[in-house]
Amino acid sequence: FYKALCDLKSSAENTFMVGDSLSSDILPARSLGMQA
């Protein structure tokens, strides 16, 4: 997730995550401050 944020030059708080797995996509993204 950090790599994606770095590549996109975006902060976690300004980034939105979309995925089909609560454990692999949503919870780790939210733990970084992303909305998901």
PDB file of all heavy atoms in Angstrom:
ATOM      1  N   PHE A   1       0.831  -1.196   0.000  1.00  0.00           N
ATOM      2  CA  PHE A   1       0.000   0.000   0.000  1.00  0.00           C
ATOM      3  C   PHE A   1       0.873   1.257   0.000  1.00  0.00           C
ATOM      4  O   PHE A   1       0.569   2.234  -0.698  1.00  0.00           O
ATOM      5  CB  PHE A   1      -0.928   0.005   1.213  1.00  0.00           C
ATOM      6  CG  PHE A   1      -1.972  -1.074   1.185  1.00  0.00           C
ATOM      7  CD1 PHE A   1      -1.735  -2.312   1.786  1.00  0.00           C
ATOM      8  CD2 PHE A   1      -3.191  -0.867   0.562  1.00  0.00           C
ATOM      9  CE1 PHE A   1      -2.701  -3.306   1.764  1.00  0.00           C
ATOM     10  CE2 PHE A   1      -4.162  -1.863   0.538  1.00  0.00           C
ATOM     11  CZ  PHE A   1      -3.915  -3.087   1.131  1.00  0.00           C
ATOM     12  N   TYR A   2       1.951   1.222   0.779  1.00  0.00           N
ATOM     13  CA  TYR A   2       2.879   2.354   0.793  1.00  0.00           C
ATOM     14  C   TYR A   2       3.451   2.607  -0.603  1.00  0.00           C
ATOM     15  O   TYR A   2       3.593   3.758  -1.037  1.00  0.00           O
ATOM     16  CB  TYR A   2       4.035   2.091   1.768  1.00  0.00           C
ATOM     17  CG  TYR A   2       3.705   2.291   3.222  1.00  0.00           C
ATOM     18  CD1 TYR A   2       4.137   1.367   4.180  1.00  0.00           C
ATOM     19  CD2 TYR A   2       2.982   3.391   3.656  1.00  0.00           C
ATOM     20  CE1 TYR A   2       3.846   1.542   5.524  1.00  0.00           C
ATOM     21  CE2 TYR A   2       2.686   3.571   5.007  1.00  0.00           C
ATOM     22  CZ  TYR A   2       3.116   2.646   5.928  1.00  0.00           C
ATOM     23  OH  TYR A   2       2.832   2.823   7.261  1.00  0.00           O
ATOM     24  N   LYS A   3       3.800   1.534  -1.290  1.00  0.00           N
ATOM     25  CA  LYS A   3       4.355   1.694  -2.636  1.00  0.00           C
ATOM     26  C   LYS A   3       3.339   2.340  -3.573  1.00  0.00           C
ATOM     27  O   LYS A   3       3.683   3.204  -4.377  1.00  0.00           O
ATOM     28  CB  LYS A   3       4.817   0.354  -3.211  1.00  0.00           C
ATOM     29  CG  LYS A   3       5.328   0.479  -4.648  1.00  0.00           C
ATOM     30  CD  LYS A   3       6.117  -0.697  -5.107  1.00  0.00           C
ATOM     31  CE  LYS A   3       6.518  -0.564  -6.572  1.00  0.00           C
ATOM     32  NZ  LYS A   3       7.191   0.729  -6.877  1.00  0.00           N
ATOM     33  N   ALA A   4       2.086   1.910  -3.467  1.00  0.00           N
ATOM     34  CA  ALA A   4       1.047   2.503  -4.314  1.00  0.00           C
ATOM     35  C   ALA A   4       0.893   3.991  -4.027  1.00  0.00           C
ATOM     36  O   ALA A   4       0.795   4.813  -4.950  1.00  0.00           O
ATOM     37  CB  ALA A   4      -0.275   1.777  -4.097  1.00  0.00           C
ATOM     38  N   LEU A   5       0.877   4.350  -2.751  1.00  0.00           N
ATOM     39  CA  LEU A   5       0.761   5.757  -2.379  1.00  0.00           C
ATOM     40  C   LEU A   5       1.947   6.565  -2.891  1.00  0.00           C
ATOM     41  O   LEU A   5       1.787   7.691  -3.394  1.00  0.00           O
ATOM     42  CB  LEU A   5       0.656   5.893  -0.858  1.00  0.00           C
ATOM     43  CG  LEU A   5      -0.618   5.347  -0.207  1.00  0.00           C
ATOM     44  CD1 LEU A   5      -0.489   5.387   1.318  1.00  0.00           C
ATOM     45  CD2 LEU A   5      -1.838   6.121  -0.664  1.00  0.00           C
ATOM     46  N   CYS A   6       3.127   5.986  -2.777  1.00  0.00           N
ATOM     47  CA  CYS A   6       4.336   6.658  -3.257  1.00  0.00           C
ATOM     48  C   CYS A   6       4.290   6.854  -4.769  1.00  0.00           C
ATOM     49  O   CYS A   6       4.575   7.944  -5.277  1.00  0.00           O
ATOM     50  CB  CYS A   6       5.569   5.855  -2.856  1.00  0.00           C
ATOM     51  SG  CYS A   6       7.140   6.604  -3.345  1.00  0.00           S
ATOM     52  N   ASP A   7       3.921   5.803  -5.482  1.00  0.00           N
ATOM     53  CA  ASP A   7       3.857   5.885  -6.947  1.00  0.00           C
ATOM     54  C   ASP A   7       2.831   6.912  -7.407  1.00  0.00           C
ATOM     55  O   ASP A   7       3.029   7.612  -8.411  1.00  0.00           O
ATOM     56  CB  ASP A   7       3.503   4.522  -7.543  1.00  0.00           C
ATOM     57  CG  ASP A   7       4.635   3.520  -7.440  1.00  0.00           C
ATOM     58  OD1 ASP A   7       5.740   3.904  -7.014  1.00  0.00           O
ATOM     59  OD2 ASP A   7       4.411   2.335  -7.767  1.00  0.00           O
ATOM     60  N   LEU A   8       1.719   6.997  -6.675  1.00  0.00           N
ATOM     61  CA  LEU A   8       0.643   7.924  -7.046  1.00  0.00           C
ATOM     62  C   LEU A   8       0.884   9.335  -6.517  1.00  0.00           C
ATOM     63  O   LEU A   8       0.128  10.258  -6.840  1.00  0.00           O
ATOM     64  CB  LEU A   8      -0.695   7.408  -6.521  1.00  0.00           C
ATOM     65  CG  LEU A   8      -1.223   6.119  -7.160  1.00  0.00           C
ATOM     66  CD1 LEU A   8      -2.417   5.582  -6.370  1.00  0.00           C
ATOM     67  CD2 LEU A   8      -1.595   6.349  -8.613  1.00  0.00           C
ATOM     68  N   LYS A   9       1.915   9.470  -5.675  1.00  0.00           N
ATOM     69  CA  LYS A   9       2.215  10.759  -5.038  1.00  0.00           C
ATOM     70  C   LYS A   9       0.982  11.302  -4.320  1.00  0.00           C
ATOM     71  O   LYS A   9       0.607  12.470  -4.471  1.00  0.00           O
ATOM     72  CB  LYS A   9       2.745  11.766  -6.076  1.00  0.00           C
ATOM     73  CG  LYS A   9       4.071  11.365  -6.704  1.00  0.00           C
ATOM     74  CD  LYS A   9       4.533  12.389  -7.713  1.00  0.00           C
ATOM     75  CE  LYS A   9       5.948  12.078  -8.203  1.00  0.00           C
ATOM     76  NZ  LYS A   9       6.074  10.750  -8.821  1.00  0.00           N
ATOM     77  N   SER A  10       0.378  10.420  -3.544  1.00  0.00           N
ATOM     78  CA  SER A  10      -0.830  10.774  -2.809  1.00  0.00           C
ATOM     79  C   SER A  10      -0.676  10.347  -1.353  1.00  0.00           C
ATOM     80  O   SER A  10      -0.039   9.340  -1.053  1.00  0.00           O
ATOM     81  CB  SER A  10      -2.046  10.084  -3.432  1.00  0.00           C
ATOM     82  OG  SER A  10      -3.241  10.418  -2.735  1.00  0.00           O
ATOM     83  N   SER A  11      -1.268  11.116  -0.448  1.00  0.00           N
ATOM     84  CA  SER A  11      -1.257  10.739   0.963  1.00  0.00           C
ATOM     85  C   SER A  11      -2.370   9.730   1.219  1.00  0.00           C
ATOM     86  O   SER A  11      -3.340   9.638   0.462  1.00  0.00           O
ATOM     87  CB  SER A  11      -1.468  11.972   1.834  1.00  0.00           C
ATOM     88  OG  SER A  11      -2.757  12.521   1.611  1.00  0.00           O
ATOM     89  N   ALA A  12      -2.242   8.997   2.314  1.00  0.00           N
ATOM     90  CA  ALA A  12      -3.263   8.002   2.655  1.00  0.00           C
ATOM     91  C   ALA A  12      -4.624   8.664   2.846  1.00  0.00           C
ATOM     92  O   ALA A  12      -5.651   8.153   2.399  1.00  0.00           O
ATOM     93  CB  ALA A  12      -2.853   7.247   3.915  1.00  0.00           C
ATOM     94  N   GLU A  13      -4.640   9.807   3.491  1.00  0.00           N
ATOM     95  CA  GLU A  13      -5.918  10.469   3.791  1.00  0.00           C
ATOM     96  C   GLU A  13      -6.626  10.982   2.539  1.00  0.00           C
ATOM     97  O   GLU A  13      -7.840  11.225   2.564  1.00  0.00           O
ATOM     98  CB  GLU A  13      -5.701  11.608   4.779  1.00  0.00           C
ATOM     99  CG  GLU A  13      -4.829  12.722   4.234  1.00  0.00           C
ATOM    100  CD  GLU A  13      -4.454  13.731   5.309  1.00  0.00           C
ATOM    101  OE1 GLU A  13      -4.408  13.353   6.489  1.00  0.00           O
ATOM    102  OE2 GLU A  13      -4.214  14.890   4.949  1.00  0.00           O
ATOM    103  N   ASN A  14      -5.879  11.125   1.457  1.00  0.00           N
ATOM    104  CA  ASN A  14      -6.473  11.599   0.201  1.00  0.00           C
ATOM    105  C   ASN A  14      -6.654  10.473  -0.810  1.00  0.00           C
ATOM    106  O   ASN A  14      -6.860  10.728  -2.005  1.00  0.00           O
ATOM    107  CB  ASN A  14      -5.608  12.701  -0.410  1.00  0.00           C
ATOM    108  CG  ASN A  14      -5.538  13.939   0.455  1.00  0.00           C
ATOM    109  OD1 ASN A  14      -4.464  14.400   0.800  1.00  0.00           O
ATOM    110  ND2 ASN A  14      -6.691  14.465   0.836  1.00  0.00           N
ATOM    111  N   THR A  15      -6.588   9.241  -0.322  1.00  0.00           N
ATOM    112  CA  THR A  15      -6.669   8.080  -1.212  1.00  0.00           C
ATOM    113  C   THR A  15      -7.801   7.157  -0.785  1.00  0.00           C
ATOM    114  O   THR A  15      -8.040   6.965   0.403  1.00  0.00           O
ATOM    115  CB  THR A  15      -5.332   7.318  -1.214  1.00  0.00           C
ATOM    116  OG1 THR A  15      -4.287   8.216  -1.611  1.00  0.00           O
ATOM    117  CG2 THR A  15      -5.370   6.154  -2.205  1.00  0.00           C
ATOM    118  N   PHE A  16      -8.453   6.587  -1.769  1.00  0.00           N
ATOM    119  CA  PHE A  16      -9.614   5.718  -1.568  1.00  0.00           C
ATOM    120  C   PHE A  16      -9.271   4.326  -2.070  1.00  0.00           C
ATOM    121  O   PHE A  16      -8.716   4.179  -3.164  1.00  0.00           O
ATOM    122  CB  PHE A  16     -10.800   6.287  -2.348  1.00  0.00           C
ATOM    123  CG  PHE A  16     -12.140   5.782  -1.919  1.00  0.00           C
ATOM    124  CD1 PHE A  16     -12.813   6.389  -0.874  1.00  0.00           C
ATOM    125  CD2 PHE A  16     -12.740   4.713  -2.559  1.00  0.00           C
ATOM    126  CE1 PHE A  16     -14.069   5.943  -0.475  1.00  0.00           C
ATOM    127  CE2 PHE A  16     -13.985   4.254  -2.167  1.00  0.00           C
ATOM    128  CZ  PHE A  16     -14.657   4.875  -1.121  1.00  0.00           C
ATOM    129  N   MET A  17      -9.582   3.289  -1.280  1.00  0.00           N
ATOM    130  CA  MET A  17      -9.287   1.906  -1.646  1.00  0.00           C
ATOM    131  C   MET A  17     -10.581   1.146  -1.915  1.00  0.00           C
ATOM    132  O   MET A  17     -11.553   1.262  -1.168  1.00  0.00           O
ATOM    133  CB  MET A  17      -8.513   1.216  -0.509  1.00  0.00           C
ATOM    134  CG  MET A  17      -8.230  -0.271  -0.738  1.00  0.00           C
ATOM    135  SD  MET A  17      -6.985  -0.529  -2.017  1.00  0.00           S
ATOM    136  CE  MET A  17      -7.325  -2.238  -2.490  1.00  0.00           C
ATOM    137  N   VAL A  18     -10.566   0.346  -2.994  1.00  0.00           N
ATOM    138  CA  VAL A  18     -11.717  -0.482  -3.346  1.00  0.00           C
ATOM    139  C   VAL A  18     -11.241  -1.925  -3.511  1.00  0.00           C
ATOM    140  O   VAL A  18     -10.319  -2.197  -4.287  1.00  0.00           O
ATOM    141  CB  VAL A  18     -12.372  -0.019  -4.664  1.00  0.00           C
ATOM    142  CG1 VAL A  18     -13.654  -0.817  -4.914  1.00  0.00           C
ATOM    143  CG2 VAL A  18     -12.665   1.473  -4.638  1.00  0.00           C
ATOM    144  N   GLY A  19     -11.853  -2.847  -2.775  1.00  0.00           N
ATOM    145  CA  GLY A  19     -11.458  -4.250  -2.886  1.00  0.00           C
ATOM    146  C   GLY A  19     -12.552  -5.182  -2.401  1.00  0.00           C
ATOM    147  O   GLY A  19     -13.533  -4.738  -1.791  1.00  0.00           O
ATOM    148  N   ASP A  20     -12.358  -6.475  -2.661  1.00  0.00           N
ATOM    149  CA  ASP A  20     -13.389  -7.447  -2.292  1.00  0.00           C
ATOM    150  C   ASP A  20     -13.037  -8.266  -1.056  1.00  0.00           C
ATOM    151  O   ASP A  20     -13.772  -9.178  -0.689  1.00  0.00           O
ATOM    152  CB  ASP A  20     -13.668  -8.394  -3.466  1.00  0.00           C
ATOM    153  CG  ASP A  20     -12.540  -9.381  -3.697  1.00  0.00           C
ATOM    154  OD1 ASP A  20     -11.356  -8.984  -3.574  1.00  0.00           O
ATOM    155  OD2 ASP A  20     -12.827 -10.557  -3.998  1.00  0.00           O
ATOM    156  N   SER A  21     -11.916  -7.941  -0.417  1.00  0.00           N
ATOM    157  CA  SER A  21     -11.506  -8.677   0.783  1.00  0.00           C
ATOM    158  C   SER A  21     -11.363  -7.727   1.960  1.00  0.00           C
ATOM    159  O   SER A  21     -10.583  -6.769   1.904  1.00  0.00           O
ATOM    160  CB  SER A  21     -10.168  -9.393   0.541  1.00  0.00           C
ATOM    161  OG  SER A  21      -9.665  -9.935   1.751  1.00  0.00           O
ATOM    162  N   LEU A  22     -12.121  -8.003   3.021  1.00  0.00           N
ATOM    163  CA  LEU A  22     -12.041  -7.170   4.218  1.00  0.00           C
ATOM    164  C   LEU A  22     -10.653  -7.241   4.833  1.00  0.00           C
ATOM    165  O   LEU A  22     -10.071  -6.225   5.209  1.00  0.00           O
ATOM    166  CB  LEU A  22     -13.100  -7.623   5.223  1.00  0.00           C
ATOM    167  CG  LEU A  22     -13.304  -6.727   6.457  1.00  0.00           C
ATOM    168  CD1 LEU A  22     -13.794  -5.349   6.053  1.00  0.00           C
ATOM    169  CD2 LEU A  22     -14.280  -7.388   7.429  1.00  0.00           C
ATOM    170  N   SER A  23     -10.090  -8.455   4.912  1.00  0.00           N
ATOM    171  CA  SER A  23      -8.806  -8.646   5.590  1.00  0.00           C
ATOM    172  C   SER A  23      -7.613  -8.206   4.758  1.00  0.00           C
ATOM    173  O   SER A  23      -6.622  -7.712   5.307  1.00  0.00           O
ATOM    174  CB  SER A  23      -8.633 -10.111   5.997  1.00  0.00           C
ATOM    175  OG  SER A  23      -8.674 -10.955   4.862  1.00  0.00           O
ATOM    176  N   SER A  24      -7.679  -8.375   3.451  1.00  0.00           N
ATOM    177  CA  SER A  24      -6.527  -8.070   2.602  1.00  0.00           C
ATOM    178  C   SER A  24      -6.563  -6.673   1.994  1.00  0.00           C
ATOM    179  O   SER A  24      -5.508  -6.104   1.687  1.00  0.00           O
ATOM    180  CB  SER A  24      -6.420  -9.090   1.465  1.00  0.00           C
ATOM    181  OG  SER A  24      -6.114 -10.372   1.960  1.00  0.00           O
ATOM    182  N   ASP A  25      -7.757  -6.127   1.800  1.00  0.00           N
ATOM    183  CA  ASP A  25      -7.895  -4.826   1.128  1.00  0.00           C
ATOM    184  C   ASP A  25      -8.341  -3.708   2.071  1.00  0.00           C
ATOM    185  O   ASP A  25      -7.673  -2.679   2.186  1.00  0.00           O
ATOM    186  CB  ASP A  25      -8.915  -4.932  -0.018  1.00  0.00           C
ATOM    187  CG  ASP A  25      -8.516  -5.931  -1.084  1.00  0.00           C
ATOM    188  OD1 ASP A  25      -7.328  -5.969  -1.438  1.00  0.00           O
ATOM    189  OD2 ASP A  25      -9.395  -6.672  -1.558  1.00  0.00           O
ATOM    190  N   ILE A  26      -9.467  -3.926   2.719  1.00  0.00           N
ATOM    191  CA  ILE A  26     -10.134  -2.836   3.427  1.00  0.00           C
ATOM    192  C   ILE A  26      -9.466  -2.492   4.767  1.00  0.00           C
ATOM    193  O   ILE A  26      -9.112  -1.332   5.021  1.00  0.00           O
ATOM    194  CB  ILE A  26     -11.622  -3.173   3.660  1.00  0.00           C
ATOM    195  CG1 ILE A  26     -12.283  -3.556   2.332  1.00  0.00           C
ATOM    196  CG2 ILE A  26     -12.326  -1.993   4.309  1.00  0.00           C
ATOM    197  CD1 ILE A  26     -12.111  -2.554   1.219  1.00  0.00           C
ATOM    198  N   LEU A  27      -9.258  -3.487   5.614  1.00  0.00           N
ATOM    199  CA  LEU A  27      -8.696  -3.216   6.944  1.00  0.00           C
ATOM    200  C   LEU A  27      -7.272  -2.658   6.879  1.00  0.00           C
ATOM    201  O   LEU A  27      -6.964  -1.688   7.584  1.00  0.00           O
ATOM    202  CB  LEU A  27      -8.757  -4.473   7.809  1.00  0.00           C
ATOM    203  CG  LEU A  27     -10.179  -4.938   8.172  1.00  0.00           C
ATOM    204  CD1 LEU A  27     -10.126  -6.179   9.056  1.00  0.00           C
ATOM    205  CD2 LEU A  27     -10.967  -3.829   8.851  1.00  0.00           C
ATOM    206  N   PRO A  28      -6.371  -3.244   6.063  1.00  0.00           N
ATOM    207  CA  PRO A  28      -5.028  -2.653   6.010  1.00  0.00           C
ATOM    208  C   PRO A  28      -5.026  -1.238   5.437  1.00  0.00           C
ATOM    209  O   PRO A  28      -4.246  -0.391   5.889  1.00  0.00           O
ATOM    210  CB  PRO A  28      -4.243  -3.625   5.120  1.00  0.00           C
ATOM    211  CG  PRO A  28      -5.266  -4.416   4.390  1.00  0.00           C
ATOM    212  CD  PRO A  28      -6.447  -4.496   5.295  1.00  0.00           C
ATOM    213  N   ALA A  29      -5.894  -0.975   4.456  1.00  0.00           N
ATOM    214  CA  ALA A  29      -5.970   0.380   3.894  1.00  0.00           C
ATOM    215  C   ALA A  29      -6.443   1.372   4.959  1.00  0.00           C
ATOM    216  O   ALA A  29      -5.868   2.455   5.128  1.00  0.00           O
ATOM    217  CB  ALA A  29      -6.914   0.387   2.696  1.00  0.00           C
ATOM    218  N   ARG A  30      -7.472   1.002   5.696  1.00  0.00           N
ATOM    219  CA  ARG A  30      -7.989   1.891   6.736  1.00  0.00           C
ATOM    220  C   ARG A  30      -6.985   2.089   7.868  1.00  0.00           C
ATOM    221  O   ARG A  30      -6.920   3.155   8.472  1.00  0.00           O
ATOM    222  CB  ARG A  30      -9.300   1.336   7.287  1.00  0.00           C
ATOM    223  CG  ARG A  30     -10.473   1.476   6.315  1.00  0.00           C
ATOM    224  CD  ARG A  30     -11.739   0.863   6.868  1.00  0.00           C
ATOM    225  NE  ARG A  30     -12.876   1.059   5.967  1.00  0.00           N
ATOM    226  CZ  ARG A  30     -14.040   0.456   6.086  1.00  0.00           C
ATOM    227  NH1 ARG A  30     -14.238  -0.413   7.077  1.00  0.00           N
ATOM    228  NH2 ARG A  30     -15.015   0.697   5.221  1.00  0.00           N
ATOM    229  N   SER A  31      -6.183   1.062   8.145  1.00  0.00           N
ATOM    230  CA  SER A  31      -5.183   1.187   9.213  1.00  0.00           C
ATOM    231  C   SER A  31      -4.122   2.218   8.869  1.00  0.00           C
ATOM    232  O   SER A  31      -3.455   2.751   9.759  1.00  0.00           O
ATOM    233  CB  SER A  31      -4.525  -0.172   9.492  1.00  0.00           C
ATOM    234  OG  SER A  31      -3.612  -0.528   8.457  1.00  0.00           O
ATOM    235  N   LEU A  32      -3.969   2.496   7.578  1.00  0.00           N
ATOM    236  CA  LEU A  32      -3.001   3.501   7.131  1.00  0.00           C
ATOM    237  C   LEU A  32      -3.624   4.888   7.040  1.00  0.00           C
ATOM    238  O   LEU A  32      -2.926   5.859   6.744  1.00  0.00           O
ATOM    239  CB  LEU A  32      -2.439   3.115   5.753  1.00  0.00           C
ATOM    240  CG  LEU A  32      -1.587   1.855   5.694  1.00  0.00           C
ATOM    241  CD1 LEU A  32      -1.165   1.557   4.264  1.00  0.00           C
ATOM    242  CD2 LEU A  32      -0.365   1.995   6.584  1.00  0.00           C
ATOM    243  N   GLY A  33      -4.928   4.969   7.262  1.00  0.00           N
ATOM    244  CA  GLY A  33      -5.599   6.255   7.171  1.00  0.00           C
ATOM    245  C   GLY A  33      -6.343   6.480   5.871  1.00  0.00           C
ATOM    246  O   GLY A  33      -6.891   7.562   5.639  1.00  0.00           O
ATOM    247  N   MET A  34      -6.356   5.466   5.013  1.00  0.00           N
ATOM    248  CA  MET A  34      -7.102   5.565   3.768  1.00  0.00           C
ATOM    249  C   MET A  34      -8.581   5.322   4.040  1.00  0.00           C
ATOM    250  O   MET A  34      -8.941   4.644   5.002  1.00  0.00           O
ATOM    251  CB  MET A  34      -6.588   4.537   2.759  1.00  0.00           C
ATOM    252  CG  MET A  34      -5.152   4.735   2.330  1.00  0.00           C
ATOM    253  SD  MET A  34      -4.466   3.304   1.438  1.00  0.00           S
ATOM    254  CE  MET A  34      -5.576   3.240   0.030  1.00  0.00           C
ATOM    255  N   GLN A  35      -9.421   5.853   3.191  1.00  0.00           N
ATOM    256  CA  GLN A  35     -10.828   5.499   3.210  1.00  0.00           C
ATOM    257  C   GLN A  35     -11.010   4.342   2.242  1.00  0.00           C
ATOM    258  O   GLN A  35     -10.295   4.240   1.249  1.00  0.00           O
ATOM    259  CB  GLN A  35     -11.668   6.705   2.820  1.00  0.00           C
ATOM    260  CG  GLN A  35     -11.508   7.835   3.845  1.00  0.00           C
ATOM    261  CD  GLN A  35     -12.210   9.096   3.435  1.00  0.00           C
ATOM    262  OE1 GLN A  35     -13.428   9.183   3.534  1.00  0.00           O
ATOM    263  NE2 GLN A  35     -11.456  10.077   2.994  1.00  0.00           N
ATOM    264  N   ALA A  36     -11.938   3.458   2.548  1.00  0.00           N
ATOM    265  CA  ALA A  36     -12.043   2.235   1.754  1.00  0.00           C
ATOM    266  C   ALA A  36     -13.475   1.727   1.746  1.00  0.00           C
ATOM    267  O   ALA A  36     -14.232   1.944   2.693  1.00  0.00           O
ATOM    268  CB  ALA A  36     -11.106   1.160   2.319  1.00  0.00           C
TER     269      ALA A  36
END
